[in-house]
Amino acid sequence: MERGVIDTAATSDHLRSRSIEIESRSILVSKLSGSDQEPDLSAPTNCDGFGRVRHFRTDTSDGWPSNPLPIVPAAHAFGLPLATKTLEAQVFQNAACPWRCWYCFVPYPLLSANPKHSEWLSVPRLLDLYETEGPDAPRLIDLSGGSPDLIPEWSIWMMEELEARGLEQTTFLWSDDNLSTNYLFEKLTTAQLEEMARYKNYGRVCCFKGIDEASFKFNTNAHGEGYDFQFSVMDRLLDLGLDTYGYITVTDASSENLASRMSTFFDRLQDLHPNLPLRVIPLQIGVYGPVGPRMNDDFERSLAIQEESISFWNEEIAKRFTQEDRSRPIHEVELRGRAG
């Protein structure tokens, strides 16, 4: 293993042990007020400084596919027009992540399970804070990070608490997953997994951190074996039957053979399911506040390379799917016989 490269398994085990208390159903939540992330927020922090309101938008830059996540799945659940362009979400961030993606908009101190930048909150306490925001609080609740897949109990505990409060029909639960662990299957019981799959108003988005092993290593600073591992986790998620979507970041250290590498990435997705690329959205990387001090020549160059990469993404989508396929609302794209 390369020197200085993140050992994902060991780091994940360490951070999980510092991020969850099973008996009290508590997790370590980032304190956003007063953090280096706060200046980048478009609205003041809420929920006593542990939450923020995110404004999701479908519109993107020229040349990039529109981003319907999580707007369209949530709009479908709420009976809103699928053409809805913006939607507010109540976001909570867990305070740990094993990877150090150079473009992450979260300051690294908020990813290290550091008690100086976080506090223990039970799931009932989180929802107390949410309900205190009143009737105008966003109906979309986003469990973000950090890396929520370090603590898969968070999602199931939230589902159970939302049901206990009669909020399961009026809210939509969304969670992020960087496909770094198998903890969902290792830490939850079969009954909990079945309960999660049955929960109606829930969606999960999984982010692939590059189009191949080299770009994955460049983006995450993790050992390259994590790239293939992402596909194995995604495969199991599809078997589970969750309403699952994907992101992909296409920043790269090299523009060499981009077309063929992108084609191979599509092949990998379609090995899991022929329709999976239609549920995966490329994310354009920009330089936000915490990212600026991390920038170097390689990262600067990768911002230009992603503009080349997205053109090849668009070519592959057009080549592999009909216009009718590409026009289908993302939640209606079937995976293993299951539509969202």
C-alpha atoms as a PDB file:
ATOM      1  CA  MET A   1       0.000   0.000   0.000  1.00  0.00           C
ATOM      2  CA  GLU A   2       1.310   3.449  -0.938  1.00  0.00           C
ATOM      3  CA  ARG A   3       2.806   5.494   1.821  1.00  0.00           C
ATOM      4  CA  GLY A   4       0.626   8.333   3.090  1.00  0.00           C
ATOM      5  CA  VAL A   5      -2.500   7.088   1.307  1.00  0.00           C
ATOM      6  CA  ILE A   6      -5.691   6.674   3.348  1.00  0.00           C
ATOM      7  CA  ASP A   7      -6.476   3.130   4.494  1.00  0.00           C
ATOM      8  CA  THR A   8     -10.235   3.370   4.079  1.00  0.00           C
ATOM      9  CA  ALA A   9     -11.179   0.313   6.149  1.00  0.00           C
ATOM     10  CA  ALA A  10      -9.030   1.193   9.160  1.00  0.00           C
ATOM     11  CA  THR A  11      -9.955   4.872   9.049  1.00  0.00           C
ATOM     12  CA  SER A  12     -13.646   4.053   8.763  1.00  0.00           C
ATOM     13  CA  ASP A  13     -13.552   1.726  11.760  1.00  0.00           C
ATOM     14  CA  HIS A  14     -11.788   4.364  13.823  1.00  0.00           C
ATOM     15  CA  LEU A  15     -14.178   7.171  12.874  1.00  0.00           C
ATOM     16  CA  ARG A  16     -17.287   5.040  13.332  1.00  0.00           C
ATOM     17  CA  SER A  17     -16.242   4.219  16.901  1.00  0.00           C
ATOM     18  CA  ARG A  18     -16.049   7.953  17.597  1.00  0.00           C
ATOM     19  CA  SER A  19     -19.279   8.860  15.791  1.00  0.00           C
ATOM     20  CA  ILE A  20     -22.113   6.774  17.172  1.00  0.00           C
ATOM     21  CA  GLU A  21     -23.618   5.765  20.511  1.00  0.00           C
ATOM     22  CA  ILE A  22     -25.991   2.877  19.934  1.00  0.00           C
ATOM     23  CA  GLU A  23     -27.807   2.805  23.272  1.00  0.00           C
ATOM     24  CA  SER A  24     -28.781   6.472  23.241  1.00  0.00           C
ATOM     25  CA  ARG A  25     -29.331   6.529  19.468  1.00  0.00           C
ATOM     26  CA  SER A  26     -26.960   9.469  19.261  1.00  0.00           C
ATOM     27  CA  ILE A  27     -24.553  10.557  16.558  1.00  0.00           C
ATOM     28  CA  LEU A  28     -21.789  13.114  16.394  1.00  0.00           C
ATOM     29  CA  VAL A  29     -23.234  16.066  14.468  1.00  0.00           C
ATOM     30  CA  SER A  30     -21.179  18.924  13.041  1.00  0.00           C
ATOM     31  CA  LYS A  31     -21.694  22.315  14.656  1.00  0.00           C
ATOM     32  CA  LEU A  32     -22.009  24.593  11.637  1.00  0.00           C
ATOM     33  CA  SER A  33     -22.426  27.891  13.401  1.00  0.00           C
ATOM     34  CA  GLY A  34     -19.014  29.424  13.969  1.00  0.00           C
ATOM     35  CA  SER A  35     -17.335  26.930  11.618  1.00  0.00           C
ATOM     36  CA  ASP A  36     -15.254  27.704   8.538  1.00  0.00           C
ATOM     37  CA  GLN A  37     -18.138  26.326   6.485  1.00  0.00           C
ATOM     38  CA  GLU A  38     -20.604  28.935   7.736  1.00  0.00           C
ATOM     39  CA  PRO A  39     -19.432  31.804   5.466  1.00  0.00           C
ATOM     40  CA  ASP A  40     -20.260  29.687   2.395  1.00  0.00           C
ATOM     41  CA  LEU A  41     -23.857  29.077   3.446  1.00  0.00           C
ATOM     42  CA  SER A  42     -26.571  30.885   1.497  1.00  0.00           C
ATOM     43  CA  ALA A  43     -28.802  31.139   4.579  1.00  0.00           C
ATOM     44  CA  PRO A  44     -28.086  31.377   8.309  1.00  0.00           C
ATOM     45  CA  THR A  45     -27.607  28.163  10.231  1.00  0.00           C
ATOM     46  CA  ASN A  46     -30.653  26.843  12.060  1.00  0.00           C
ATOM     47  CA  CYS A  47     -31.534  24.138  14.583  1.00  0.00           C
ATOM     48  CA  ASP A  48     -29.279  25.692  17.241  1.00  0.00           C
ATOM     49  CA  GLY A  49     -26.409  25.869  14.781  1.00  0.00           C
ATOM     50  CA  PHE A  50     -26.466  22.154  13.870  1.00  0.00           C
ATOM     51  CA  GLY A  51     -28.525  22.525  10.710  1.00  0.00           C
ATOM     52  CA  ARG A  52     -28.566  24.458   7.500  1.00  0.00           C
ATOM     53  CA  VAL A  53     -31.042  25.018   4.708  1.00  0.00           C
ATOM     54  CA  ARG A  54     -29.770  23.993   1.294  1.00  0.00           C
ATOM     55  CA  HIS A  55     -31.368  25.246  -1.897  1.00  0.00           C
ATOM     56  CA  PHE A  56     -31.263  22.444  -4.459  1.00  0.00           C
ATOM     57  CA  ARG A  57     -31.555  23.569  -8.086  1.00  0.00           C
ATOM     58  CA  THR A  58     -31.966  21.590 -11.290  1.00  0.00           C
ATOM     59  CA  ASP A  59     -30.201  24.220 -13.441  1.00  0.00           C
ATOM     60  CA  THR A  60     -26.480  23.688 -14.054  1.00  0.00           C
ATOM     61  CA  SER A  61     -23.749  25.197 -16.214  1.00  0.00           C
ATOM     62  CA  ASP A  62     -23.740  25.050 -20.011  1.00  0.00           C
ATOM     63  CA  GLY A  63     -22.693  21.633 -21.242  1.00  0.00           C
ATOM     64  CA  TRP A  64     -23.619  19.876 -18.000  1.00  0.00           C
ATOM     65  CA  PRO A  65     -26.739  17.721 -17.541  1.00  0.00           C
ATOM     66  CA  SER A  66     -29.428  19.201 -15.355  1.00  0.00           C
ATOM     67  CA  ASN A  67     -29.473  17.872 -11.806  1.00  0.00           C
ATOM     68  CA  PRO A  68     -32.890  16.531 -10.773  1.00  0.00           C
ATOM     69  CA  LEU A  69     -31.610  15.172  -7.436  1.00  0.00           C
ATOM     70  CA  PRO A  70     -33.183  15.140  -4.949  1.00  0.00           C
ATOM     71  CA  ILE A  71     -35.821  17.510  -6.344  1.00  0.00           C
ATOM     72  CA  VAL A  72     -37.673  15.120  -8.645  1.00  0.00           C
ATOM     73  CA  PRO A  73     -37.897  12.157  -6.208  1.00  0.00           C
ATOM     74  CA  ALA A  74     -39.082  14.502  -3.452  1.00  0.00           C
ATOM     75  CA  ALA A  75     -41.501  16.354  -5.735  1.00  0.00           C
ATOM     76  CA  HIS A  76     -42.977  13.022  -6.790  1.00  0.00           C
ATOM     77  CA  ALA A  77     -43.468  12.074  -3.136  1.00  0.00           C
ATOM     78  CA  PHE A  78     -45.078  15.433  -2.327  1.00  0.00           C
ATOM     79  CA  GLY A  79     -47.320  15.519  -5.388  1.00  0.00           C
ATOM     80  CA  LEU A  80     -45.523  18.588  -6.743  1.00  0.00           C
ATOM     81  CA  PRO A  81     -44.905  19.190 -10.463  1.00  0.00           C
ATOM     82  CA  LEU A  82     -41.904  17.208 -11.656  1.00  0.00           C
ATOM     83  CA  ALA A  83     -40.792  20.381 -13.460  1.00  0.00           C
ATOM     84  CA  THR A  84     -40.095  21.992 -10.068  1.00  0.00           C
ATOM     85  CA  LYS A  85     -36.754  23.793 -10.436  1.00  0.00           C
ATOM     86  CA  THR A  86     -35.787  24.476  -6.819  1.00  0.00           C
ATOM     87  CA  LEU A  87     -36.431  22.841  -3.465  1.00  0.00           C
ATOM     88  CA  GLU A  88     -35.229  23.606   0.028  1.00  0.00           C
ATOM     89  CA  ALA A  89     -33.807  20.893   2.263  1.00  0.00           C
ATOM     90  CA  GLN A  90     -33.072  20.748   5.965  1.00  0.00           C
ATOM     91  CA  VAL A  91     -29.506  19.447   6.155  1.00  0.00           C
ATOM     92  CA  PHE A  92     -27.690  17.818   9.060  1.00  0.00           C
ATOM     93  CA  GLN A  93     -24.071  16.704   8.711  1.00  0.00           C
ATOM     94  CA  ASN A  94     -22.407  13.882  10.583  1.00  0.00           C
ATOM     95  CA  ALA A  95     -18.922  14.847  11.718  1.00  0.00           C
ATOM     96  CA  ALA A  96     -16.773  12.143  10.128  1.00  0.00           C
ATOM     97  CA  CYS A  97     -15.555  10.933   6.740  1.00  0.00           C
ATOM     98  CA  PRO A  98     -12.679   8.557   5.955  1.00  0.00           C
ATOM     99  CA  TRP A  99     -11.719  10.296   2.697  1.00  0.00           C
ATOM    100  CA  ARG A 100     -10.260  13.715   2.004  1.00  0.00           C
ATOM    101  CA  CYS A 101     -11.663  14.697  -1.373  1.00  0.00           C
ATOM    102  CA  TRP A 102      -9.739  17.813  -2.335  1.00  0.00           C
ATOM    103  CA  TYR A 103     -12.902  19.507  -3.632  1.00  0.00           C
ATOM    104  CA  CYS A 104     -15.067  18.816  -0.564  1.00  0.00           C
ATOM    105  CA  PHE A 105     -16.947  21.953   0.496  1.00  0.00           C
ATOM    106  CA  VAL A 106     -16.762  20.825   4.132  1.00  0.00           C
ATOM    107  CA  PRO A 107     -13.655  21.934   6.066  1.00  0.00           C
ATOM    108  CA  TYR A 108     -11.508  18.957   6.994  1.00  0.00           C
ATOM    109  CA  PRO A 109     -11.779  19.616  10.772  1.00  0.00           C
ATOM    110  CA  LEU A 110     -15.514  18.889  10.430  1.00  0.00           C
ATOM    111  CA  LEU A 111     -14.709  15.445   9.002  1.00  0.00           C
ATOM    112  CA  SER A 112     -12.460  14.082  11.739  1.00  0.00           C
ATOM    113  CA  ALA A 113     -14.977  13.366  14.535  1.00  0.00           C
ATOM    114  CA  ASN A 114     -13.434  16.253  16.444  1.00  0.00           C
ATOM    115  CA  PRO A 115     -15.498  17.178  19.532  1.00  0.00           C
ATOM    116  CA  LYS A 116     -14.307  20.773  19.164  1.00  0.00           C
ATOM    117  CA  HIS A 117     -16.443  21.055  16.036  1.00  0.00           C
ATOM    118  CA  SER A 118     -19.349  18.745  16.873  1.00  0.00           C
ATOM    119  CA  GLU A 119     -21.687  17.501  19.585  1.00  0.00           C
ATOM    120  CA  TRP A 120     -23.560  14.331  20.434  1.00  0.00           C
ATOM    121  CA  LEU A 121     -27.227  14.590  19.494  1.00  0.00           C
ATOM    122  CA  SER A 122     -29.845  11.881  19.728  1.00  0.00           C
ATOM    123  CA  VAL A 123     -32.157  11.392  16.774  1.00  0.00           C
ATOM    124  CA  PRO A 124     -35.172  12.533  18.856  1.00  0.00           C
ATOM    125  CA  ARG A 125     -33.220  15.687  19.721  1.00  0.00           C
ATOM    126  CA  LEU A 126     -32.458  16.320  16.049  1.00  0.00           C
ATOM    127  CA  LEU A 127     -36.137  16.089  15.180  1.00  0.00           C
ATOM    128  CA  ASP A 128     -37.034  18.288  18.163  1.00  0.00           C
ATOM    129  CA  LEU A 129     -34.756  20.927  16.643  1.00  0.00           C
ATOM    130  CA  TYR A 130     -36.302  20.369  13.234  1.00  0.00           C
ATOM    131  CA  GLU A 131     -39.860  20.744  14.509  1.00  0.00           C
ATOM    132  CA  THR A 132     -38.888  23.888  16.401  1.00  0.00           C
ATOM    133  CA  GLU A 133     -38.264  25.527  13.029  1.00  0.00           C
ATOM    134  CA  GLY A 134     -42.035  25.597  12.595  1.00  0.00           C
ATOM    135  CA  PRO A 135     -44.467  24.946   9.736  1.00  0.00           C
ATOM    136  CA  ASP A 136     -42.208  26.608   7.152  1.00  0.00           C
ATOM    137  CA  ALA A 137     -39.343  24.192   7.763  1.00  0.00           C
ATOM    138  CA  PRO A 138     -38.280  22.305   4.604  1.00  0.00           C
ATOM    139  CA  ARG A 139     -40.124  19.048   4.128  1.00  0.00           C
ATOM    140  CA  LEU A 140     -37.043  17.468   2.582  1.00  0.00           C
ATOM    141  CA  ILE A 141     -34.573  16.258   5.236  1.00  0.00           C
ATOM    142  CA  ASP A 142     -31.054  15.570   3.992  1.00  0.00           C
ATOM    143  CA  LEU A 143     -28.687  13.429   6.065  1.00  0.00           C
ATOM    144  CA  SER A 144     -25.327  14.571   4.783  1.00  0.00           C
ATOM    145  CA  GLY A 145     -21.747  14.717   5.910  1.00  0.00           C
ATOM    146  CA  GLY A 146     -19.222  13.833   6.363  1.00  0.00           C
ATOM    147  CA  SER A 147     -20.041  10.296   5.453  1.00  0.00           C
ATOM    148  CA  PRO A 148     -23.444   9.094   6.694  1.00  0.00           C
ATOM    149  CA  ASP A 149     -22.710   5.545   5.542  1.00  0.00           C
ATOM    150  CA  LEU A 150     -20.291   5.295   8.505  1.00  0.00           C
ATOM    151  CA  ILE A 151     -23.414   5.266  10.688  1.00  0.00           C
ATOM    152  CA  PRO A 152     -26.211   3.548   8.722  1.00  0.00           C
ATOM    153  CA  GLU A 153     -28.278   3.430  11.903  1.00  0.00           C
ATOM    154  CA  TRP A 154     -28.880   7.157  11.454  1.00  0.00           C
ATOM    155  CA  SER A 155     -31.209   6.624   8.486  1.00  0.00           C
ATOM    156  CA  ILE A 156     -33.251   3.853  10.088  1.00  0.00           C
ATOM    157  CA  TRP A 157     -33.505   5.713  13.407  1.00  0.00           C
ATOM    158  CA  MET A 158     -34.728   8.788  11.544  1.00  0.00           C
ATOM    159  CA  MET A 159     -37.348   6.725   9.724  1.00  0.00           C
ATOM    160  CA  GLU A 160     -38.603   5.250  12.976  1.00  0.00           C
ATOM    161  CA  GLU A 161     -38.705   8.624  14.726  1.00  0.00           C
ATOM    162  CA  LEU A 162     -40.464  10.309  11.804  1.00  0.00           C
ATOM    163  CA  GLU A 163     -43.093   7.568  11.902  1.00  0.00           C
ATOM    164  CA  ALA A 164     -43.459   7.922  15.663  1.00  0.00           C
ATOM    165  CA  ARG A 165     -44.203  11.624  15.184  1.00  0.00           C
ATOM    166  CA  GLY A 166     -46.541  11.116  12.245  1.00  0.00           C
ATOM    167  CA  LEU A 167     -44.173  12.904   9.864  1.00  0.00           C
ATOM    168  CA  GLU A 168     -43.388  10.064   7.482  1.00  0.00           C
ATOM    169  CA  GLN A 169     -45.961  11.185   4.884  1.00  0.00           C
ATOM    170  CA  THR A 170     -45.238  14.918   5.022  1.00  0.00           C
ATOM    171  CA  THR A 171     -41.448  14.681   4.823  1.00  0.00           C
ATOM    172  CA  PHE A 172     -39.001  13.088   2.397  1.00  0.00           C
ATOM    173  CA  LEU A 173     -35.799  11.617   3.800  1.00  0.00           C
ATOM    174  CA  TRP A 174     -32.669  11.786   1.651  1.00  0.00           C
ATOM    175  CA  SER A 175     -29.235  10.456   2.572  1.00  0.00           C
ATOM    176  CA  ASP A 176     -25.779  10.671   1.042  1.00  0.00           C
ATOM    177  CA  ASP A 177     -23.446   7.717   0.581  1.00  0.00           C
ATOM    178  CA  ASN A 178     -19.888   7.735  -0.777  1.00  0.00           C
ATOM    179  CA  LEU A 179     -19.791   3.934  -1.089  1.00  0.00           C
ATOM    180  CA  SER A 180     -16.775   3.689   1.185  1.00  0.00           C
ATOM    181  CA  THR A 181     -18.086   0.971   3.523  1.00  0.00           C
ATOM    182  CA  ASN A 182     -20.345  -2.063   3.726  1.00  0.00           C
ATOM    183  CA  TYR A 183     -21.602  -0.953   7.131  1.00  0.00           C
ATOM    184  CA  LEU A 184     -25.205  -0.797   5.952  1.00  0.00           C
ATOM    185  CA  PHE A 185     -25.123  -4.570   5.560  1.00  0.00           C
ATOM    186  CA  GLU A 186     -22.760  -5.299   8.443  1.00  0.00           C
ATOM    187  CA  LYS A 187     -24.320  -3.152  11.169  1.00  0.00           C
ATOM    188  CA  LEU A 188     -28.055  -3.352  10.461  1.00  0.00           C
ATOM    189  CA  THR A 189     -30.186  -6.420  11.004  1.00  0.00           C
ATOM    190  CA  THR A 190     -32.134  -8.089   8.220  1.00  0.00           C
ATOM    191  CA  ALA A 191     -35.314  -6.693   9.751  1.00  0.00           C
ATOM    192  CA  GLN A 192     -33.871  -3.167   9.720  1.00  0.00           C
ATOM    193  CA  LEU A 193     -32.827  -3.503   6.085  1.00  0.00           C
ATOM    194  CA  GLU A 194     -36.308  -4.693   5.170  1.00  0.00           C
ATOM    195  CA  GLU A 195     -37.792  -1.796   7.117  1.00  0.00           C
ATOM    196  CA  MET A 196     -35.577   0.660   5.251  1.00  0.00           C
ATOM    197  CA  ALA A 197     -36.567  -0.828   1.885  1.00  0.00           C
ATOM    198  CA  ARG A 198     -40.270  -0.538   2.790  1.00  0.00           C
ATOM    199  CA  TYR A 199     -40.058   3.095   3.876  1.00  0.00           C
ATOM    200  CA  LYS A 200     -41.892   5.014   1.183  1.00  0.00           C
ATOM    201  CA  ASN A 201     -40.496   8.548   1.284  1.00  0.00           C
ATOM    202  CA  TYR A 202     -36.784   7.806   1.146  1.00  0.00           C
ATOM    203  CA  GLY A 203     -34.038   8.166  -1.430  1.00  0.00           C
ATOM    204  CA  ARG A 204     -30.323   7.459  -1.295  1.00  0.00           C
ATOM    205  CA  VAL A 205     -27.660   9.021  -3.500  1.00  0.00           C
ATOM    206  CA  CYS A 206     -24.257   7.349  -3.900  1.00  0.00           C
ATOM    207  CA  CYS A 207     -21.275   9.307  -5.161  1.00  0.00           C
ATOM    208  CA  PHE A 208     -18.645   7.672  -7.375  1.00  0.00           C
ATOM    209  CA  LYS A 209     -15.394   9.582  -6.834  1.00  0.00           C
ATOM    210  CA  GLY A 210     -13.916   9.323 -10.316  1.00  0.00           C
ATOM    211  CA  ILE A 211     -14.225   7.391 -13.570  1.00  0.00           C
ATOM    212  CA  ASP A 212     -11.396   4.953 -12.858  1.00  0.00           C
ATOM    213  CA  GLU A 213      -8.926   3.960 -10.170  1.00  0.00           C
ATOM    214  CA  ALA A 214      -6.460   6.722 -10.992  1.00  0.00           C
ATOM    215  CA  SER A 215      -9.024   9.527 -10.809  1.00  0.00           C
ATOM    216  CA  PHE A 216     -10.514   7.977  -7.657  1.00  0.00           C
ATOM    217  CA  LYS A 217      -7.124   8.078  -5.934  1.00  0.00           C
ATOM    218  CA  PHE A 218      -6.515  11.615  -7.148  1.00  0.00           C
ATOM    219  CA  ASN A 219      -9.879  12.813  -5.839  1.00  0.00           C
ATOM    220  CA  THR A 220     -10.045  11.020  -2.472  1.00  0.00           C
ATOM    221  CA  ASN A 221      -6.426  10.467  -1.402  1.00  0.00           C
ATOM    222  CA  ALA A 222      -7.535   6.907  -0.622  1.00  0.00           C
ATOM    223  CA  HIS A 223      -6.030   3.602  -1.716  1.00  0.00           C
ATOM    224  CA  GLY A 224      -7.136   2.628  -5.223  1.00  0.00           C
ATOM    225  CA  GLU A 225      -8.917  -0.571  -4.168  1.00  0.00           C
ATOM    226  CA  GLY A 226     -11.731   1.670  -2.957  1.00  0.00           C
ATOM    227  CA  TYR A 227     -12.711   2.347  -6.560  1.00  0.00           C
ATOM    228  CA  ASP A 228     -13.803  -1.229  -7.307  1.00  0.00           C
ATOM    229  CA  PHE A 229     -15.286  -1.473  -3.823  1.00  0.00           C
ATOM    230  CA  GLN A 230     -17.736   1.311  -4.705  1.00  0.00           C
ATOM    231  CA  PHE A 231     -19.265  -0.876  -7.398  1.00  0.00           C
ATOM    232  CA  SER A 232     -19.606  -3.861  -5.085  1.00  0.00           C
ATOM    233  CA  VAL A 233     -21.468  -1.735  -2.533  1.00  0.00           C
ATOM    234  CA  MET A 234     -23.705  -0.259  -5.207  1.00  0.00           C
ATOM    235  CA  ASP A 235     -24.509  -3.761  -6.442  1.00  0.00           C
ATOM    236  CA  ARG A 236     -25.727  -4.761  -2.993  1.00  0.00           C
ATOM    237  CA  LEU A 237     -27.776  -1.574  -2.656  1.00  0.00           C
ATOM    238  CA  LEU A 238     -29.563  -2.335  -5.903  1.00  0.00           C
ATOM    239  CA  ASP A 239     -30.322  -5.851  -4.658  1.00  0.00           C
ATOM    240  CA  LEU A 240     -31.762  -4.364  -1.489  1.00  0.00           C
ATOM    241  CA  GLY A 241     -34.305  -2.419  -3.513  1.00  0.00           C
ATOM    242  CA  LEU A 242     -33.764   1.050  -2.064  1.00  0.00           C
ATOM    243  CA  ASP A 243     -34.687   4.012  -4.240  1.00  0.00           C
ATOM    244  CA  THR A 244     -31.075   4.578  -5.208  1.00  0.00           C
ATOM    245  CA  TYR A 245     -29.389   7.241  -7.347  1.00  0.00           C
ATOM    246  CA  GLY A 246     -25.836   8.228  -8.125  1.00  0.00           C
ATOM    247  CA  TYR A 247     -23.474  11.140  -8.514  1.00  0.00           C
ATOM    248  CA  ILE A 248     -20.127  11.089 -10.292  1.00  0.00           C
ATOM    249  CA  THR A 249     -17.284  13.578 -10.029  1.00  0.00           C
ATOM    250  CA  VAL A 250     -15.194  13.705 -13.203  1.00  0.00           C
ATOM    251  CA  THR A 251     -12.239  15.769 -12.041  1.00  0.00           C
ATOM    252  CA  ASP A 252      -9.025  14.039 -13.053  1.00  0.00           C
ATOM    253  CA  ALA A 253      -5.279  14.535 -12.966  1.00  0.00           C
ATOM    254  CA  SER A 254      -4.884  13.509 -16.600  1.00  0.00           C
ATOM    255  CA  SER A 255      -6.840  14.012 -19.812  1.00  0.00           C
ATOM    256  CA  GLU A 256      -5.156  11.032 -21.474  1.00  0.00           C
ATOM    257  CA  ASN A 257      -7.602   8.555 -23.062  1.00  0.00           C
ATOM    258  CA  LEU A 258     -10.586  10.276 -21.483  1.00  0.00           C
ATOM    259  CA  ALA A 259     -13.018   9.001 -24.095  1.00  0.00           C
ATOM    260  CA  SER A 260     -12.098   5.341 -23.644  1.00  0.00           C
ATOM    261  CA  ARG A 261     -11.917   5.644 -19.863  1.00  0.00           C
ATOM    262  CA  MET A 262     -15.373   7.209 -19.770  1.00  0.00           C
ATOM    263  CA  SER A 263     -16.712   4.440 -21.979  1.00  0.00           C
ATOM    264  CA  THR A 264     -15.276   1.855 -19.599  1.00  0.00           C
ATOM    265  CA  PHE A 265     -16.893   3.608 -16.651  1.00  0.00           C
ATOM    266  CA  PHE A 266     -20.264   3.374 -18.407  1.00  0.00           C
ATOM    267  CA  ASP A 267     -19.619  -0.310 -19.008  1.00  0.00           C
ATOM    268  CA  ARG A 268     -19.016  -0.760 -15.277  1.00  0.00           C
ATOM    269  CA  LEU A 269     -22.283   0.979 -14.433  1.00  0.00           C
ATOM    270  CA  GLN A 270     -24.212  -1.074 -16.964  1.00  0.00           C
ATOM    271  CA  ASP A 271     -22.700  -4.275 -15.614  1.00  0.00           C
ATOM    272  CA  LEU A 272     -24.731  -3.479 -12.495  1.00  0.00           C
ATOM    273  CA  HIS A 273     -27.836  -2.562 -14.470  1.00  0.00           C
ATOM    274  CA  PRO A 274     -28.293  -1.440 -18.090  1.00  0.00           C
ATOM    275  CA  ASN A 275     -30.283   1.599 -16.935  1.00  0.00           C
ATOM    276  CA  LEU A 276     -28.000   2.720 -14.117  1.00  0.00           C
ATOM    277  CA  PRO A 277     -26.272   5.563 -16.031  1.00  0.00           C
ATOM    278  CA  LEU A 278     -29.689   7.238 -16.338  1.00  0.00           C
ATOM    279  CA  ARG A 279     -29.826   7.478 -12.544  1.00  0.00           C
ATOM    280  CA  VAL A 280     -26.309   8.908 -12.207  1.00  0.00           C
ATOM    281  CA  ILE A 281     -25.702  12.671 -12.394  1.00  0.00           C
ATOM    282  CA  PRO A 282     -22.283  14.267 -12.975  1.00  0.00           C
ATOM    283  CA  LEU A 283     -21.434  17.030 -10.497  1.00  0.00           C
ATOM    284  CA  GLN A 284     -19.442  20.036 -11.637  1.00  0.00           C
ATOM    285  CA  ILE A 285     -16.741  20.874  -9.108  1.00  0.00           C
ATOM    286  CA  GLY A 286     -16.144  24.496  -8.119  1.00  0.00           C
ATOM    287  CA  VAL A 287     -13.862  26.264  -5.665  1.00  0.00           C
ATOM    288  CA  TYR A 288     -15.782  27.061  -2.496  1.00  0.00           C
ATOM    289  CA  GLY A 289     -14.368  28.708   0.625  1.00  0.00           C
ATOM    290  CA  PRO A 290     -12.613  25.720   2.277  1.00  0.00           C
ATOM    291  CA  VAL A 291     -11.358  24.469  -1.100  1.00  0.00           C
ATOM    292  CA  GLY A 292      -9.358  27.591  -1.970  1.00  0.00           C
ATOM    293  CA  PRO A 293      -6.420  26.970   0.393  1.00  0.00           C
ATOM    294  CA  ARG A 294      -6.125  23.370  -0.858  1.00  0.00           C
ATOM    295  CA  MET A 295      -5.717  24.315  -4.513  1.00  0.00           C
ATOM    296  CA  ASN A 296      -2.515  23.467  -6.368  1.00  0.00           C
ATOM    297  CA  ASP A 297      -1.540  23.175 -10.015  1.00  0.00           C
ATOM    298  CA  ASP A 298      -2.916  19.620 -10.328  1.00  0.00           C
ATOM    299  CA  PHE A 299      -6.277  20.577  -8.864  1.00  0.00           C
ATOM    300  CA  GLU A 300      -6.486  23.686 -11.039  1.00  0.00           C
ATOM    301  CA  ARG A 301      -5.786  21.584 -14.114  1.00  0.00           C
ATOM    302  CA  SER A 302      -8.421  19.040 -13.108  1.00  0.00           C
ATOM    303  CA  LEU A 303     -11.095  21.747 -13.203  1.00  0.00           C
ATOM    304  CA  ALA A 304     -10.373  22.186 -16.896  1.00  0.00           C
ATOM    305  CA  ILE A 305     -10.167  18.437 -17.473  1.00  0.00           C
ATOM    306  CA  GLN A 306     -13.656  17.955 -16.035  1.00  0.00           C
ATOM    307  CA  GLU A 307     -14.979  20.146 -18.853  1.00  0.00           C
ATOM    308  CA  GLU A 308     -13.482  17.681 -21.328  1.00  0.00           C
ATOM    309  CA  SER A 309     -14.793  14.737 -19.344  1.00  0.00           C
ATOM    310  CA  ILE A 310     -18.373  15.965 -19.343  1.00  0.00           C
ATOM    311  CA  SER A 311     -18.401  16.140 -23.133  1.00  0.00           C
ATOM    312  CA  PHE A 312     -17.520  12.445 -23.246  1.00  0.00           C
ATOM    313  CA  TRP A 313     -20.177  11.710 -20.611  1.00  0.00           C
ATOM    314  CA  ASN A 314     -22.763  13.411 -22.808  1.00  0.00           C
ATOM    315  CA  GLU A 315     -21.584  11.446 -25.844  1.00  0.00           C
ATOM    316  CA  GLU A 316     -21.892   8.121 -24.027  1.00  0.00           C
ATOM    317  CA  ILE A 317     -25.391   8.907 -22.747  1.00  0.00           C
ATOM    318  CA  ALA A 318     -26.543   9.888 -26.248  1.00  0.00           C
ATOM    319  CA  LYS A 319     -24.919   6.812 -27.788  1.00  0.00           C
ATOM    320  CA  ARG A 320     -26.316   4.289 -25.315  1.00  0.00           C
ATOM    321  CA  PHE A 321     -29.851   5.587 -24.701  1.00  0.00           C
ATOM    322  CA  THR A 322     -32.693   6.835 -26.859  1.00  0.00           C
ATOM    323  CA  GLN A 323     -34.166  10.292 -26.497  1.00  0.00           C
ATOM    324  CA  GLU A 324     -37.202   8.691 -24.881  1.00  0.00           C
ATOM    325  CA  ASP A 325     -34.956   6.980 -22.322  1.00  0.00           C
ATOM    326  CA  ARG A 326     -33.115  10.217 -21.566  1.00  0.00           C
ATOM    327  CA  SER A 327     -36.351  12.173 -21.182  1.00  0.00           C
ATOM    328  CA  ARG A 328     -37.844   9.810 -18.605  1.00  0.00           C
ATOM    329  CA  PRO A 329     -38.094  11.340 -15.101  1.00  0.00           C
ATOM    330  CA  ILE A 330     -35.193  10.002 -13.070  1.00  0.00           C
ATOM    331  CA  HIS A 331     -37.390   8.353 -10.429  1.00  0.00           C
ATOM    332  CA  GLU A 332     -39.114   6.332 -13.167  1.00  0.00           C
ATOM    333  CA  VAL A 333     -35.891   4.777 -14.435  1.00  0.00           C
ATOM    334  CA  GLU A 334     -36.192   1.126 -13.465  1.00  0.00           C
ATOM    335  CA  LEU A 335     -33.408  -0.745 -11.687  1.00  0.00           C
ATOM    336  CA  ARG A 336     -33.743  -4.505 -11.296  1.00  0.00           C
ATOM    337  CA  GLY A 337     -37.446  -4.350 -11.968  1.00  0.00           C
ATOM    338  CA  ARG A 338     -38.090  -1.616  -9.410  1.00  0.00           C
ATOM    339  CA  ALA A 339     -39.137   1.930 -10.260  1.00  0.00           C
ATOM    340  CA  GLY A 340     -38.846   4.681  -7.672  1.00  0.00           C
END
